[in-house]
Amino acid sequence: MSADLGTVRAPARVTTSSLIDDLDGTIEQLLHRHLDTAREWFPHEYVPWDRASGAISGEWQADDSPMSEPARISLYVNLLTEDNLPYYMFELAALTTDGPWGEWTRRWTAEEGRHAIVMRDYLTVTRALDPVALERGRMQQVSTGVAPQCATLPDAVVYTSLQELATRISHRNTGKLIDDRTGVEVMNRVAADENLHYLFYRDLATAAIDVAPSAMVMAIERTVCNFAMPGIGITDFAAHARVMAAARVYDFAIHHDQVVAPVVLQHWKLESIEGLDADAEAARDRTLAYIARLGRAAGRVKERLEAATPG
């Protein structure tokens, strides 16, 4: 974190309220940076409405669209994840609805809502997915309300940092499976938003480490060692996840190499965080050991992929 987003060191044991107060200025600066960077866009401009003839009539058939099954599954999971937004908003707003944090969570929610709008409209007019099955999936997912439990600000910013980056990667890799320029543009547009959200949470977490290092390291352990993609509440998610892993949308290797290692080890520099109490020191050791095991699992995934690649 650059010096102009400076913070004031607080005691190791902090409350969410006191930590938000300590980080209030940083949150405000990061919010303004986001607003200065984010580009206004309109979902309807990305949807190929000229292809909508008959899109909402007749029973859906798989050959209505030439899209591959891995692409369909990835789009289904990614969209239902966006649909579950109200529960993420609920968890973040439960920390406080006041001040810059409240302003950020409302802005973030408004931007995330566009993702579901543009993805669903695209899928409907192109008949890439069965709209009946998609709506039933949305009803089930949102009715169930599965969401991460972020009872403290440290847990919230660590989880959202990793989740937003993972989602950005999943959206962009899903776009690579789509043999349709418009679909690729939709997914790249959504992924660009997710990247800005990731940068907000990542840099807020960096500032929070300076303010409350022990609390943040404990949150890093809880999140990293128990991380689950936000679509986990979707029916048959495990089966969907296997298809997405096989298609290189998201797998152990991507999770370790593109999310955990660059954020936790390289950006937050977990190994060199200073000022930890005994519990946080132990949590750091456990987290580093877990990441090492994850790295070995990632290596095995890459070995299998290399062995299966012709030539």
Foldseek 3Di string as FASTA:
>chain_A
DDCVQAFDADDQDDAQVVLCVRNQSSLVVLVVVLVVPDDDDALVVLAPQVLQVCLPDDFADQVLAPADPLLLLLLLLLLLLLLLLVLLLVQQCVSDCDHSSVVVSVVLNVLSNSLNVNSLNNCRSSVNDGVVVSVVQNCQSNVVNDDDRPPHPLLSLLQLLLQLQLSLLLLQLSLVRDPDPSSNVSSNSSSVSSVSSNVSSLVSLLNSCNHHVLVNLLSNLVPQVDPDHSSVSGVPVVVSVVSCVVSVSDDLLCSLPVGCCCRVCNPSVLVPRDDHDPVSVVSSVVNVVVSVVSNVVSVVSVVVVVVPDDD
